[in-house]
Each structure stands twice: as C-alpha cells, then as structure tokens.
Amino acid sequence: MHVQPGFYYERLSVPGVCVFIDGLHHDTSSAVEHDKAVRNELENRGYRVIAIHHDRPLADQVSEHTDVFGVSN
C-alpha cells in the first residue's frame, strides 16, 4: 500500500512522525479501513502517526501533541 502523509517530522535515531490531515472523504467506510491499515503498518514500523480530523477543532487536536507541534496553551 502506498500512503503520503500531509506532514512528516524527523526524530533523532528513530522513525519520524507522520501527520495526516483527514477531510470529509476519509469518512467513507472504504477510506476508514484503508487509513486504519496503512497507519497501523506505519506504527508497526516504528513511526508515530497523528491524524488531524475535520470534525474536531484544530487547536484541540494540535494541543494534544505539543511535543510535536511545539505549542502550549
């Protein structure tokens, strides 16, 4: 399977962080299954996966990952 994260952040000596931006088209059942499969594979390979979903406020989601995005409240 091929996948392209929206953003990729490198980490020292370990696989990086893949950030996916999920719009409306990620809500279909086929997309949900595909996303789950490829993201699980990335995690199994040591990557950290973050999904930013359209149905939640961006600030809330970013604040859950301050170690990656470098922001604080």
C-alpha atoms as a PDB file:
ATOM      1  CA  MET A   1       0.000   0.000   0.000  1.00  0.00           C
ATOM      2  CA  HIS A   2       1.132   3.496  -0.747  1.00  0.00           C
ATOM      3  CA  VAL A   3       0.485   6.434   1.542  1.00  0.00           C
ATOM      4  CA  GLN A   4       1.545  10.064   1.642  1.00  0.00           C
ATOM      5  CA  PRO A   5       1.275  11.911   4.967  1.00  0.00           C
ATOM      6  CA  GLY A   6       0.433  15.599   4.866  1.00  0.00           C
ATOM      7  CA  PHE A   7       3.484  16.347   7.010  1.00  0.00           C
ATOM      8  CA  TYR A   8       6.494  14.385   8.174  1.00  0.00           C
ATOM      9  CA  TYR A   9       8.740  15.318  11.094  1.00  0.00           C
ATOM     10  CA  GLU A  10      12.069  13.583  11.608  1.00  0.00           C
ATOM     11  CA  ARG A  11      13.149  12.335  15.022  1.00  0.00           C
ATOM     12  CA  LEU A  12      16.659  11.513  16.112  1.00  0.00           C
ATOM     13  CA  SER A  13      17.627   7.868  15.535  1.00  0.00           C
ATOM     14  CA  VAL A  14      14.035   6.584  15.243  1.00  0.00           C
ATOM     15  CA  PRO A  15      11.388   6.689  12.517  1.00  0.00           C
ATOM     16  CA  GLY A  16       9.641  10.046  12.315  1.00  0.00           C
ATOM     17  CA  VAL A  17       6.157  11.409  12.880  1.00  0.00           C
ATOM     18  CA  CYS A  18       3.584  11.126  10.084  1.00  0.00           C
ATOM     19  CA  VAL A  19       0.774  13.678  10.273  1.00  0.00           C
ATOM     20  CA  PHE A  20      -2.346  13.034   8.224  1.00  0.00           C
ATOM     21  CA  ILE A  21      -5.000  15.665   7.550  1.00  0.00           C
ATOM     22  CA  ASP A  22      -8.334  13.864   7.200  1.00  0.00           C
ATOM     23  CA  GLY A  23     -11.030  15.685   5.251  1.00  0.00           C
ATOM     24  CA  LEU A  24     -14.582  14.543   4.559  1.00  0.00           C
ATOM     25  CA  HIS A  25     -13.504  11.851   2.102  1.00  0.00           C
ATOM     26  CA  HIS A  26     -11.849  10.000   4.997  1.00  0.00           C
ATOM     27  CA  ASP A  27     -15.289   9.315   6.492  1.00  0.00           C
ATOM     28  CA  THR A  28     -16.309   6.676   3.932  1.00  0.00           C
ATOM     29  CA  SER A  29     -16.124   3.081   5.084  1.00  0.00           C
ATOM     30  CA  SER A  30     -13.502   2.178   2.469  1.00  0.00           C
ATOM     31  CA  ALA A  31     -11.318   5.148   3.442  1.00  0.00           C
ATOM     32  CA  VAL A  32     -11.632   4.344   7.145  1.00  0.00           C
ATOM     33  CA  GLU A  33     -10.450   0.777   6.506  1.00  0.00           C
ATOM     34  CA  HIS A  34      -7.610   1.902   4.234  1.00  0.00           C
ATOM     35  CA  ASP A  35      -6.455   4.571   6.691  1.00  0.00           C
ATOM     36  CA  LYS A  36      -6.510   2.086   9.549  1.00  0.00           C
ATOM     37  CA  ALA A  37      -4.481  -0.483   7.615  1.00  0.00           C
ATOM     38  CA  VAL A  38      -1.761   1.862   6.381  1.00  0.00           C
ATOM     39  CA  ARG A  39      -1.468   3.721   9.665  1.00  0.00           C
ATOM     40  CA  ASN A  40      -1.204   0.500  11.634  1.00  0.00           C
ATOM     41  CA  GLU A  41       1.579  -0.593   9.278  1.00  0.00           C
ATOM     42  CA  LEU A  42       3.424   2.678   9.827  1.00  0.00           C
ATOM     43  CA  GLU A  43       3.103   2.267  13.602  1.00  0.00           C
ATOM     44  CA  ASN A  44       4.322  -1.327  13.331  1.00  0.00           C
ATOM     45  CA  ARG A  45       7.427   0.043  11.578  1.00  0.00           C
ATOM     46  CA  GLY A  46       8.054   2.449  14.443  1.00  0.00           C
ATOM     47  CA  TYR A  47       6.563   5.645  13.057  1.00  0.00           C
ATOM     48  CA  ARG A  48       4.387   7.843  15.201  1.00  0.00           C
ATOM     49  CA  VAL A  49       1.090   8.585  13.470  1.00  0.00           C
ATOM     50  CA  ILE A  50      -1.078  11.621  14.144  1.00  0.00           C
ATOM     51  CA  ALA A  51      -4.386  12.146  12.343  1.00  0.00           C
ATOM     52  CA  ILE A  52      -5.976  15.575  12.308  1.00  0.00           C
ATOM     53  CA  HIS A  53      -9.666  15.096  11.545  1.00  0.00           C
ATOM     54  CA  HIS A  54     -12.020  17.655  10.062  1.00  0.00           C
ATOM     55  CA  ASP A  55     -14.754  17.169  12.665  1.00  0.00           C
ATOM     56  CA  ARG A  56     -12.769  18.443  15.672  1.00  0.00           C
ATOM     57  CA  PRO A  57     -11.297  21.873  16.327  1.00  0.00           C
ATOM     58  CA  LEU A  58      -7.739  22.068  15.017  1.00  0.00           C
ATOM     59  CA  ALA A  59      -6.438  23.819  18.148  1.00  0.00           C
ATOM     60  CA  ASP A  60      -7.725  20.974  20.335  1.00  0.00           C
ATOM     61  CA  GLN A  61      -6.016  18.336  18.226  1.00  0.00           C
ATOM     62  CA  VAL A  62      -2.733  20.225  17.969  1.00  0.00           C
ATOM     63  CA  SER A  63      -2.684  20.785  21.726  1.00  0.00           C
ATOM     64  CA  GLU A  64      -2.793  17.011  22.242  1.00  0.00           C
ATOM     65  CA  HIS A  65       0.649  16.765  20.589  1.00  0.00           C
ATOM     66  CA  THR A  66       2.653  19.676  21.938  1.00  0.00           C
ATOM     67  CA  ASP A  67       5.846  17.630  21.785  1.00  0.00           C
ATOM     68  CA  VAL A  68       5.488  17.538  18.000  1.00  0.00           C
ATOM     69  CA  PHE A  69       3.927  20.900  17.197  1.00  0.00           C
ATOM     70  CA  GLY A  70       5.725  22.926  19.880  1.00  0.00           C
ATOM     71  CA  VAL A  71       2.703  24.832  21.105  1.00  0.00           C
ATOM     72  CA  SER A  72       1.223  25.238  24.547  1.00  0.00           C
ATOM     73  CA  ASN A  73      -1.964  26.682  25.968  1.00  0.00           C
END
